[in-house]
Amino acid sequence: MLEQLRGLNKIPANYLKIRLIINLYATLILLSISLLPDVSPAQDLPLEVVVQTGHSLEILTVAFSPNGKNIATGSADNTAKLWDVASGRELRTFIGHTGDVRSVSFSPCGKYLITGSSDRTACLWEVVTGKRIRTFDKHSEIVTSVAYSPNGKYIVTGSFHPEVVLYPKFNTFFQRICSSGHCPQQYRYI
């Protein structure tokens, strides 16, 4: 049959095979969609838009707390803020950076927040009080990302300079690791 169609219309055989495959996939997709249960977004998936007005400049980063009850935001106004998810209400402002807050991350237990900034530092905060516990200042460039280890014992930061720095949360040493993975691991005391 393909030979007959190709001969009549002077269409390459590959084109007809591709069209046949596309039509088969489209039919399968339509059949799959028709088997899905009918879900009304208005009834089953309530959506609510909360416009926050706490930051004075754009928000650059967001993160959920481990329990999902709070959100942390970092902004170009040099602050991080804590928000209640249920009400959308601002709970706390973390003040101390002198540059944009570009990254935020909660500790696995949710008691601490780490922020990374264009001021080349990362700060460790107590979530409940908003108190700054420690400042990490070993980067030579803007801190673009921060994260906690799953066990909560380590903090890792990344920057525009191609490096990653690993800090034990409360101890006095850190480990500088090159992002390429080819640099030797070194411990340096601060």
C-alpha atoms as a PDB file:
ATOM      1  CA  MET A   1       0.000   0.000   0.000  1.00  0.00           C
ATOM      2  CA  LEU A   2       2.835   2.411   0.829  1.00  0.00           C
ATOM      3  CA  GLU A   3       4.365   1.713  -2.592  1.00  0.00           C
ATOM      4  CA  GLN A   4       1.095   2.632  -4.292  1.00  0.00           C
ATOM      5  CA  LEU A   5       0.731   5.898  -2.373  1.00  0.00           C
ATOM      6  CA  ARG A   6       4.362   6.819  -2.956  1.00  0.00           C
ATOM      7  CA  GLY A   7       4.039   6.184  -6.663  1.00  0.00           C
ATOM      8  CA  LEU A   8       0.876   8.242  -7.035  1.00  0.00           C
ATOM      9  CA  ASN A   9       1.971  11.304  -5.103  1.00  0.00           C
ATOM     10  CA  LYS A  10       5.745  11.153  -5.606  1.00  0.00           C
ATOM     11  CA  ILE A  11       6.162  11.279  -1.780  1.00  0.00           C
ATOM     12  CA  PRO A  12       9.289   9.674  -0.270  1.00  0.00           C
ATOM     13  CA  ALA A  13       8.601   6.433   1.602  1.00  0.00           C
ATOM     14  CA  ASN A  14      10.137   7.772   4.806  1.00  0.00           C
ATOM     15  CA  TYR A  15       7.624  10.609   4.921  1.00  0.00           C
ATOM     16  CA  LEU A  16       4.679   8.233   4.790  1.00  0.00           C
ATOM     17  CA  LYS A  17       6.169   5.990   7.475  1.00  0.00           C
ATOM     18  CA  ILE A  18       6.755   8.951   9.760  1.00  0.00           C
ATOM     19  CA  ARG A  19       3.198  10.231   9.233  1.00  0.00           C
ATOM     20  CA  LEU A  20       1.829   6.756  10.003  1.00  0.00           C
ATOM     21  CA  ILE A  21       3.831   6.587  13.239  1.00  0.00           C
ATOM     22  CA  ILE A  22       2.747  10.090  14.255  1.00  0.00           C
ATOM     23  CA  ASN A  23      -0.897   9.205  13.640  1.00  0.00           C
ATOM     24  CA  LEU A  24      -0.553   6.025  15.713  1.00  0.00           C
ATOM     25  CA  TYR A  25       1.010   7.957  18.624  1.00  0.00           C
ATOM     26  CA  ALA A  26      -1.678  10.638  18.404  1.00  0.00           C
ATOM     27  CA  THR A  27      -4.375   7.958  18.542  1.00  0.00           C
ATOM     28  CA  LEU A  28      -2.727   6.329  21.565  1.00  0.00           C
ATOM     29  CA  ILE A  29      -2.486   9.659  23.353  1.00  0.00           C
ATOM     30  CA  LEU A  30      -6.129  10.457  22.679  1.00  0.00           C
ATOM     31  CA  LEU A  31      -7.170   7.014  23.931  1.00  0.00           C
ATOM     32  CA  SER A  32      -5.054   7.484  27.082  1.00  0.00           C
ATOM     33  CA  ILE A  33      -6.585  10.886  27.763  1.00  0.00           C
ATOM     34  CA  SER A  34     -10.105   9.543  27.335  1.00  0.00           C
ATOM     35  CA  LEU A  35      -9.397   6.900  30.008  1.00  0.00           C
ATOM     36  CA  LEU A  36      -8.304   9.498  32.605  1.00  0.00           C
ATOM     37  CA  PRO A  37     -10.829  10.312  35.341  1.00  0.00           C
ATOM     38  CA  ASP A  38     -12.627  13.614  35.021  1.00  0.00           C
ATOM     39  CA  VAL A  39     -11.005  16.047  37.450  1.00  0.00           C
ATOM     40  CA  SER A  40     -12.342  19.521  37.900  1.00  0.00           C
ATOM     41  CA  PRO A  41      -9.575  21.876  39.053  1.00  0.00           C
ATOM     42  CA  ALA A  42     -12.073  24.186  40.722  1.00  0.00           C
ATOM     43  CA  GLN A  43     -13.414  21.376  42.913  1.00  0.00           C
ATOM     44  CA  ASP A  44     -10.462  19.066  43.585  1.00  0.00           C
ATOM     45  CA  LEU A  45      -7.392  21.281  43.266  1.00  0.00           C
ATOM     46  CA  PRO A  46      -8.099  24.632  44.916  1.00  0.00           C
ATOM     47  CA  LEU A  47      -5.639  27.272  43.804  1.00  0.00           C
ATOM     48  CA  GLU A  48      -4.943  30.413  45.745  1.00  0.00           C
ATOM     49  CA  VAL A  49      -2.720  33.258  44.712  1.00  0.00           C
ATOM     50  CA  VAL A  50      -1.141  35.164  47.585  1.00  0.00           C
ATOM     51  CA  VAL A  51       0.591  38.376  46.595  1.00  0.00           C
ATOM     52  CA  GLN A  52       3.263  39.069  49.173  1.00  0.00           C
ATOM     53  CA  THR A  53       4.261  42.640  49.752  1.00  0.00           C
ATOM     54  CA  GLY A  54       7.078  42.148  52.247  1.00  0.00           C
ATOM     55  CA  HIS A  55      10.109  42.503  49.954  1.00  0.00           C
ATOM     56  CA  SER A  56      10.855  45.870  48.395  1.00  0.00           C
ATOM     57  CA  LEU A  57      12.641  44.373  45.350  1.00  0.00           C
ATOM     58  CA  GLU A  58      12.371  41.203  43.267  1.00  0.00           C
ATOM     59  CA  ILE A  59      12.485  37.760  44.850  1.00  0.00           C
ATOM     60  CA  LEU A  60      15.458  35.730  43.630  1.00  0.00           C
ATOM     61  CA  THR A  61      14.999  32.435  45.463  1.00  0.00           C
ATOM     62  CA  VAL A  62      12.405  30.439  47.416  1.00  0.00           C
ATOM     63  CA  ALA A  63      12.431  27.249  49.493  1.00  0.00           C
ATOM     64  CA  PHE A  64       9.888  25.221  51.484  1.00  0.00           C
ATOM     65  CA  SER A  65      10.627  24.253  55.070  1.00  0.00           C
ATOM     66  CA  PRO A  66      10.893  20.470  55.614  1.00  0.00           C
ATOM     67  CA  ASN A  67       7.444  20.323  57.246  1.00  0.00           C
ATOM     68  CA  GLY A  68       5.908  22.342  54.388  1.00  0.00           C
ATOM     69  CA  LYS A  69       4.405  24.937  56.734  1.00  0.00           C
ATOM     70  CA  ASN A  70       6.780  27.781  55.888  1.00  0.00           C
ATOM     71  CA  ILE A  71       8.486  29.294  52.866  1.00  0.00           C
ATOM     72  CA  ALA A  72      11.747  31.243  52.891  1.00  0.00           C
ATOM     73  CA  THR A  73      12.386  33.866  50.222  1.00  0.00           C
ATOM     74  CA  GLY A  74      15.556  35.719  49.292  1.00  0.00           C
ATOM     75  CA  SER A  75      15.453  39.089  47.588  1.00  0.00           C
ATOM     76  CA  ALA A  76      17.440  41.779  45.818  1.00  0.00           C
ATOM     77  CA  ASP A  77      16.559  43.978  48.822  1.00  0.00           C
ATOM     78  CA  ASN A  78      19.360  42.157  50.758  1.00  0.00           C
ATOM     79  CA  THR A  79      16.943  40.302  53.066  1.00  0.00           C
ATOM     80  CA  ALA A  80      15.453  36.857  53.474  1.00  0.00           C
ATOM     81  CA  LYS A  81      11.944  36.429  54.825  1.00  0.00           C
ATOM     82  CA  LEU A  82       9.960  33.628  56.415  1.00  0.00           C
ATOM     83  CA  TRP A  83       6.315  33.152  55.399  1.00  0.00           C
ATOM     84  CA  ASP A  84       3.445  31.064  56.720  1.00  0.00           C
ATOM     85  CA  VAL A  85       2.075  28.918  53.893  1.00  0.00           C
ATOM     86  CA  ALA A  86      -1.460  28.616  55.275  1.00  0.00           C
ATOM     87  CA  SER A  87      -2.066  32.342  55.735  1.00  0.00           C
ATOM     88  CA  GLY A  88       0.521  33.902  53.407  1.00  0.00           C
ATOM     89  CA  ARG A  89       1.574  36.090  56.327  1.00  0.00           C
ATOM     90  CA  GLU A  90       5.155  37.273  56.786  1.00  0.00           C
ATOM     91  CA  LEU A  91       6.597  35.800  59.996  1.00  0.00           C
ATOM     92  CA  ARG A  92      10.147  37.110  60.130  1.00  0.00           C
ATOM     93  CA  THR A  93      12.825  39.078  58.283  1.00  0.00           C
ATOM     94  CA  PHE A  94      16.468  37.997  58.300  1.00  0.00           C
ATOM     95  CA  ILE A  95      18.619  41.132  58.064  1.00  0.00           C
ATOM     96  CA  GLY A  96      22.400  41.099  57.788  1.00  0.00           C
ATOM     97  CA  HIS A  97      23.513  40.689  54.187  1.00  0.00           C
ATOM     98  CA  THR A  98      24.885  43.667  52.270  1.00  0.00           C
ATOM     99  CA  GLY A  99      24.029  42.196  48.850  1.00  0.00           C
ATOM    100  CA  ASP A 100      21.211  40.314  47.103  1.00  0.00           C
ATOM    101  CA  VAL A 101      20.111  37.102  48.821  1.00  0.00           C
ATOM    102  CA  ARG A 102      20.463  34.630  45.975  1.00  0.00           C
ATOM    103  CA  SER A 103      19.884  31.274  47.656  1.00  0.00           C
ATOM    104  CA  VAL A 104      18.056  29.948  50.730  1.00  0.00           C
ATOM    105  CA  SER A 105      17.884  26.467  52.232  1.00  0.00           C
ATOM    106  CA  PHE A 106      16.354  25.015  55.398  1.00  0.00           C
ATOM    107  CA  SER A 107      18.169  22.493  57.571  1.00  0.00           C
ATOM    108  CA  PRO A 108      16.551  19.030  57.486  1.00  0.00           C
ATOM    109  CA  CYS A 109      15.150  19.604  61.008  1.00  0.00           C
ATOM    110  CA  GLY A 110      13.749  23.010  59.951  1.00  0.00           C
ATOM    111  CA  LYS A 111      15.381  24.877  62.865  1.00  0.00           C
ATOM    112  CA  TYR A 112      17.998  26.660  60.764  1.00  0.00           C
ATOM    113  CA  LEU A 113      18.103  28.603  57.501  1.00  0.00           C
ATOM    114  CA  ILE A 114      21.207  29.175  55.396  1.00  0.00           C
ATOM    115  CA  THR A 115      21.306  32.120  52.986  1.00  0.00           C
ATOM    116  CA  GLY A 116      23.795  32.883  50.214  1.00  0.00           C
ATOM    117  CA  SER A 117      24.410  36.403  48.972  1.00  0.00           C
ATOM    118  CA  SER A 118      26.115  38.561  46.386  1.00  0.00           C
ATOM    119  CA  ASP A 119      28.064  40.041  49.298  1.00  0.00           C
ATOM    120  CA  ARG A 120      30.219  36.852  49.015  1.00  0.00           C
ATOM    121  CA  THR A 121      28.939  35.374  52.279  1.00  0.00           C
ATOM    122  CA  ALA A 122      26.528  32.736  53.488  1.00  0.00           C
ATOM    123  CA  CYS A 123      24.749  33.199  56.810  1.00  0.00           C
ATOM    124  CA  LEU A 124      23.299  30.615  59.177  1.00  0.00           C
ATOM    125  CA  TRP A 125      20.122  31.769  60.953  1.00  0.00           C
ATOM    126  CA  GLU A 126      17.949  30.405  63.716  1.00  0.00           C
ATOM    127  CA  VAL A 127      14.467  30.221  62.179  1.00  0.00           C
ATOM    128  CA  VAL A 128      12.466  30.772  65.384  1.00  0.00           C
ATOM    129  CA  THR A 129      14.348  33.864  66.577  1.00  0.00           C
ATOM    130  CA  GLY A 130      15.805  35.245  63.335  1.00  0.00           C
ATOM    131  CA  LYS A 131      19.200  35.430  65.052  1.00  0.00           C
ATOM    132  CA  ARG A 132      22.301  35.122  62.864  1.00  0.00           C
ATOM    133  CA  ILE A 133      24.407  32.296  64.279  1.00  0.00           C
ATOM    134  CA  ARG A 134      27.358  32.276  61.905  1.00  0.00           C
ATOM    135  CA  THR A 135      28.697  33.961  58.781  1.00  0.00           C
ATOM    136  CA  PHE A 136      30.644  31.920  56.228  1.00  0.00           C
ATOM    137  CA  ASP A 137      32.995  34.179  54.279  1.00  0.00           C
ATOM    138  CA  LYS A 138      35.412  31.962  52.351  1.00  0.00           C
ATOM    139  CA  HIS A 139      34.188  32.762  48.839  1.00  0.00           C
ATOM    140  CA  SER A 140      35.962  35.256  46.611  1.00  0.00           C
ATOM    141  CA  GLU A 141      32.870  35.730  44.421  1.00  0.00           C
ATOM    142  CA  ILE A 142      29.083  35.962  44.738  1.00  0.00           C
ATOM    143  CA  VAL A 143      27.542  33.005  46.607  1.00  0.00           C
ATOM    144  CA  THR A 144      24.975  31.633  44.173  1.00  0.00           C
ATOM    145  CA  SER A 145      23.779  28.500  45.951  1.00  0.00           C
ATOM    146  CA  VAL A 146      23.559  26.998  49.423  1.00  0.00           C
ATOM    147  CA  ALA A 147      22.378  23.599  50.653  1.00  0.00           C
ATOM    148  CA  TYR A 148      22.336  21.324  53.674  1.00  0.00           C
ATOM    149  CA  SER A 149      23.501  17.733  53.794  1.00  0.00           C
ATOM    150  CA  PRO A 150      20.648  15.276  54.435  1.00  0.00           C
ATOM    151  CA  ASN A 151      21.912  14.635  57.992  1.00  0.00           C
ATOM    152  CA  GLY A 152      22.089  18.402  58.707  1.00  0.00           C
ATOM    153  CA  LYS A 153      25.723  18.310  59.805  1.00  0.00           C
ATOM    154  CA  TYR A 154      27.181  20.081  56.772  1.00  0.00           C
ATOM    155  CA  ILE A 155      26.468  23.161  54.730  1.00  0.00           C
ATOM    156  CA  VAL A 156      27.706  23.483  51.161  1.00  0.00           C
ATOM    157  CA  THR A 157      27.983  26.717  49.201  1.00  0.00           C
ATOM    158  CA  GLY A 158      28.725  27.470  45.565  1.00  0.00           C
ATOM    159  CA  SER A 159      29.804  30.673  43.866  1.00  0.00           C
ATOM    160  CA  PHE A 160      30.551  32.385  40.557  1.00  0.00           C
ATOM    161  CA  HIS A 161      34.165  31.407  41.146  1.00  0.00           C
ATOM    162  CA  PRO A 162      34.266  27.740  40.122  1.00  0.00           C
ATOM    163  CA  GLU A 163      34.329  26.292  43.602  1.00  0.00           C
ATOM    164  CA  VAL A 164      32.189  24.592  46.186  1.00  0.00           C
ATOM    165  CA  VAL A 165      32.894  24.998  49.885  1.00  0.00           C
ATOM    166  CA  LEU A 166      31.799  22.410  52.449  1.00  0.00           C
ATOM    167  CA  TYR A 167      31.409  23.575  56.065  1.00  0.00           C
ATOM    168  CA  PRO A 168      30.579  21.585  59.161  1.00  0.00           C
ATOM    169  CA  LYS A 169      27.679  23.567  60.606  1.00  0.00           C
ATOM    170  CA  PHE A 170      29.277  24.537  63.929  1.00  0.00           C
ATOM    171  CA  ASN A 171      32.938  23.462  63.747  1.00  0.00           C
ATOM    172  CA  THR A 172      35.859  25.679  62.805  1.00  0.00           C
ATOM    173  CA  PHE A 173      37.147  24.069  59.615  1.00  0.00           C
ATOM    174  CA  PHE A 174      35.937  23.967  56.056  1.00  0.00           C
ATOM    175  CA  GLN A 175      36.763  22.059  52.894  1.00  0.00           C
ATOM    176  CA  ARG A 176      37.223  23.755  49.527  1.00  0.00           C
ATOM    177  CA  ILE A 177      36.274  21.576  46.572  1.00  0.00           C
ATOM    178  CA  CYS A 178      36.672  22.649  42.950  1.00  0.00           C
ATOM    179  CA  SER A 179      33.503  22.284  40.897  1.00  0.00           C
ATOM    180  CA  SER A 180      35.373  20.384  38.178  1.00  0.00           C
ATOM    181  CA  GLY A 181      36.088  17.610  40.687  1.00  0.00           C
ATOM    182  CA  HIS A 182      39.775  17.505  39.711  1.00  0.00           C
ATOM    183  CA  CYS A 183      41.169  19.524  42.609  1.00  0.00           C
ATOM    184  CA  PRO A 184      42.576  17.771  45.664  1.00  0.00           C
ATOM    185  CA  GLN A 185      40.447  18.069  48.771  1.00  0.00           C
ATOM    186  CA  GLN A 186      42.069  20.359  51.322  1.00  0.00           C
ATOM    187  CA  TYR A 187      41.147  21.179  54.886  1.00  0.00           C
ATOM    188  CA  ARG A 188      41.851  24.718  56.012  1.00  0.00           C
ATOM    189  CA  TYR A 189      41.230  26.137  59.456  1.00  0.00           C
ATOM    190  CA  ILE A 190      39.342  29.388  59.853  1.00  0.00           C
END
